[in-house]
Amino acid sequence: MKAFRPLWLALRAAVLATAVFWVATFIIDNIGWEAPIRGATEPLVFFGVFFLGVLMTGVKG
């Protein structure tokens, strides 16, 4: 079972990131905010979630 641990960790991270993305998109749509460039709201939210996820990994290079 140890061999599947990285896969399980990646799956959990993907599910969590997807949930955060959809909740953030839902909240942004309900408050009525829109990106200055038309149609860029979802990519901006995605980039924000992705960037925060990268920062939380704590990888030291």
N, C-alpha and C. Protein backbone atom coordinates (compact mmCIF):
# COMPACT_ATOMS: atom_id res chain seq x y z
N MET A 1 0.81 -1.20 0.00
CA MET A 1 0.00 0.00 0.00
C MET A 1 0.85 1.26 0.00
N LYS A 2 2.08 1.19 0.43
CA LYS A 2 2.95 2.36 0.46
C LYS A 2 3.21 2.89 -0.94
N ALA A 3 3.16 2.02 -1.92
CA ALA A 3 3.43 2.43 -3.29
C ALA A 3 2.35 3.37 -3.82
N PHE A 4 1.13 3.27 -3.29
CA PHE A 4 0.03 4.10 -3.76
C PHE A 4 -0.12 5.41 -2.99
N ARG A 5 0.72 5.63 -2.00
CA ARG A 5 0.60 6.84 -1.18
C ARG A 5 0.74 8.13 -1.99
N PRO A 6 1.74 8.27 -2.90
CA PRO A 6 1.82 9.51 -3.69
C PRO A 6 0.59 9.73 -4.57
N LEU A 7 0.05 8.66 -5.12
CA LEU A 7 -1.14 8.77 -5.94
C LEU A 7 -2.33 9.23 -5.11
N TRP A 8 -2.48 8.66 -3.93
CA TRP A 8 -3.57 9.04 -3.03
C TRP A 8 -3.44 10.50 -2.60
N LEU A 9 -2.23 10.92 -2.32
CA LEU A 9 -1.98 12.31 -1.93
C LEU A 9 -2.32 13.26 -3.07
N ALA A 10 -1.93 12.92 -4.27
CA ALA A 10 -2.23 13.75 -5.44
C ALA A 10 -3.74 13.82 -5.70
N LEU A 11 -4.42 12.71 -5.52
CA LEU A 11 -5.87 12.68 -5.72
C LEU A 11 -6.58 13.57 -4.70
N ARG A 12 -6.17 13.48 -3.44
CA ARG A 12 -6.77 14.33 -2.41
C ARG A 12 -6.52 15.80 -2.69
N ALA A 13 -5.30 16.13 -3.11
CA ALA A 13 -4.98 17.53 -3.42
C ALA A 13 -5.80 18.03 -4.60
N ALA A 14 -5.99 17.19 -5.60
CA ALA A 14 -6.78 17.60 -6.77
C ALA A 14 -8.23 17.82 -6.40
N VAL A 15 -8.79 16.95 -5.58
CA VAL A 15 -10.18 17.10 -5.16
C VAL A 15 -10.35 18.36 -4.31
N LEU A 16 -9.43 18.61 -3.42
CA LEU A 16 -9.50 19.80 -2.58
C LEU A 16 -9.37 21.07 -3.42
N ALA A 17 -8.42 21.09 -4.35
CA ALA A 17 -8.24 22.26 -5.21
C ALA A 17 -9.47 22.51 -6.08
N THR A 18 -10.08 21.45 -6.57
CA THR A 18 -11.29 21.60 -7.38
C THR A 18 -12.42 22.18 -6.54
N ALA A 19 -12.57 21.69 -5.33
CA ALA A 19 -13.62 22.21 -4.45
C ALA A 19 -13.40 23.68 -4.13
N VAL A 20 -12.17 24.06 -3.84
CA VAL A 20 -11.86 25.46 -3.54
C VAL A 20 -12.14 26.33 -4.76
N PHE A 21 -11.76 25.85 -5.95
CA PHE A 21 -12.01 26.59 -7.19
C PHE A 21 -13.49 26.84 -7.40
N TRP A 22 -14.31 25.80 -7.25
CA TRP A 22 -15.75 25.96 -7.50
C TRP A 22 -16.43 26.82 -6.45
N VAL A 23 -16.01 26.71 -5.20
CA VAL A 23 -16.59 27.55 -4.15
C VAL A 23 -16.21 29.02 -4.39
N ALA A 24 -14.95 29.26 -4.72
CA ALA A 24 -14.53 30.64 -5.00
C ALA A 24 -15.26 31.20 -6.22
N THR A 25 -15.40 30.40 -7.26
CA THR A 25 -16.13 30.85 -8.46
C THR A 25 -17.59 31.13 -8.13
N PHE A 26 -18.20 30.27 -7.32
CA PHE A 26 -19.60 30.46 -6.92
C PHE A 26 -19.77 31.76 -6.14
N ILE A 27 -18.87 32.01 -5.20
CA ILE A 27 -18.95 33.24 -4.40
C ILE A 27 -18.74 34.47 -5.27
N ILE A 28 -17.76 34.42 -6.16
CA ILE A 28 -17.49 35.56 -7.03
C ILE A 28 -18.67 35.83 -7.95
N ASP A 29 -19.29 34.78 -8.48
CA ASP A 29 -20.46 34.97 -9.34
C ASP A 29 -21.63 35.57 -8.57
N ASN A 30 -21.81 35.17 -7.32
CA ASN A 30 -22.94 35.67 -6.53
C ASN A 30 -22.76 37.11 -6.07
N ILE A 31 -21.52 37.55 -5.86
CA ILE A 31 -21.33 38.96 -5.46
C ILE A 31 -21.29 39.87 -6.67
N GLY A 32 -21.19 39.30 -7.85
CA GLY A 32 -21.28 40.10 -9.07
C GLY A 32 -19.97 40.67 -9.57
N TRP A 33 -18.84 40.27 -8.99
CA TRP A 33 -17.57 40.79 -9.46
C TRP A 33 -17.22 40.16 -10.80
N GLU A 34 -16.60 40.95 -11.65
CA GLU A 34 -16.14 40.44 -12.93
C GLU A 34 -14.76 41.01 -13.21
N ALA A 35 -13.91 40.23 -13.81
CA ALA A 35 -12.55 40.67 -14.12
C ALA A 35 -12.62 41.81 -15.14
N PRO A 36 -11.63 42.71 -15.09
CA PRO A 36 -11.62 43.81 -16.06
C PRO A 36 -11.61 43.32 -17.52
N ILE A 37 -10.95 42.21 -17.77
CA ILE A 37 -10.96 41.63 -19.11
C ILE A 37 -12.09 40.61 -19.14
N ARG A 38 -13.00 40.79 -20.07
CA ARG A 38 -14.19 39.93 -20.14
C ARG A 38 -13.81 38.46 -20.29
N GLY A 39 -14.39 37.61 -19.46
CA GLY A 39 -14.16 36.17 -19.55
C GLY A 39 -12.90 35.68 -18.85
N ALA A 40 -12.25 36.55 -18.11
CA ALA A 40 -10.99 36.16 -17.46
C ALA A 40 -11.18 35.80 -15.99
N THR A 41 -12.41 35.79 -15.50
CA THR A 41 -12.63 35.53 -14.08
C THR A 41 -12.19 34.12 -13.69
N GLU A 42 -12.65 33.12 -14.43
CA GLU A 42 -12.31 31.74 -14.09
C GLU A 42 -10.80 31.48 -14.20
N PRO A 43 -10.12 31.94 -15.26
CA PRO A 43 -8.67 31.74 -15.29
C PRO A 43 -7.94 32.43 -14.14
N LEU A 44 -8.41 33.59 -13.73
CA LEU A 44 -7.78 34.28 -12.61
C LEU A 44 -7.98 33.52 -11.30
N VAL A 45 -9.17 32.98 -11.10
CA VAL A 45 -9.43 32.18 -9.90
C VAL A 45 -8.56 30.93 -9.93
N PHE A 46 -8.48 30.28 -11.10
CA PHE A 46 -7.66 29.09 -11.22
C PHE A 46 -6.20 29.39 -10.90
N PHE A 47 -5.68 30.48 -11.45
CA PHE A 47 -4.29 30.86 -11.18
C PHE A 47 -4.08 31.12 -9.70
N GLY A 48 -5.04 31.79 -9.06
CA GLY A 48 -4.92 32.06 -7.63
C GLY A 48 -4.89 30.80 -6.80
N VAL A 49 -5.78 29.86 -7.10
CA VAL A 49 -5.81 28.59 -6.37
C VAL A 49 -4.54 27.79 -6.63
N PHE A 50 -4.10 27.76 -7.88
CA PHE A 50 -2.88 27.04 -8.24
C PHE A 50 -1.66 27.64 -7.53
N PHE A 51 -1.55 28.96 -7.54
CA PHE A 51 -0.41 29.64 -6.92
C PHE A 51 -0.38 29.39 -5.41
N LEU A 52 -1.54 29.48 -4.76
CA LEU A 52 -1.59 29.20 -3.32
C LEU A 52 -1.23 27.74 -3.03
N GLY A 53 -1.66 26.83 -3.90
CA GLY A 53 -1.30 25.43 -3.72
C GLY A 53 0.19 25.19 -3.84
N VAL A 54 0.82 25.88 -4.78
CA VAL A 54 2.27 25.76 -4.94
C VAL A 54 2.98 26.31 -3.71
N LEU A 55 2.49 27.42 -3.19
CA LEU A 55 3.12 27.99 -2.00
C LEU A 55 2.96 27.09 -0.78
N MET A 56 1.84 26.37 -0.70
CA MET A 56 1.60 25.52 0.47
C MET A 56 2.38 24.21 0.43
N THR A 57 2.95 23.86 -0.71
CA THR A 57 3.69 22.60 -0.75
C THR A 57 4.97 22.67 0.06
N GLY A 58 5.52 23.86 0.19
CA GLY A 58 6.72 24.02 1.00
C GLY A 58 7.97 23.42 0.36
N VAL A 59 8.00 23.34 -0.96
CA VAL A 59 9.16 22.79 -1.66
C VAL A 59 10.28 23.80 -1.57
N LYS A 60 11.43 23.34 -1.16
CA LYS A 60 12.60 24.22 -1.08
C LYS A 60 13.57 23.82 -2.18
N GLY A 61 13.91 24.80 -3.02
CA GLY A 61 14.73 24.48 -4.18
C GLY A 61 16.11 24.98 -4.15
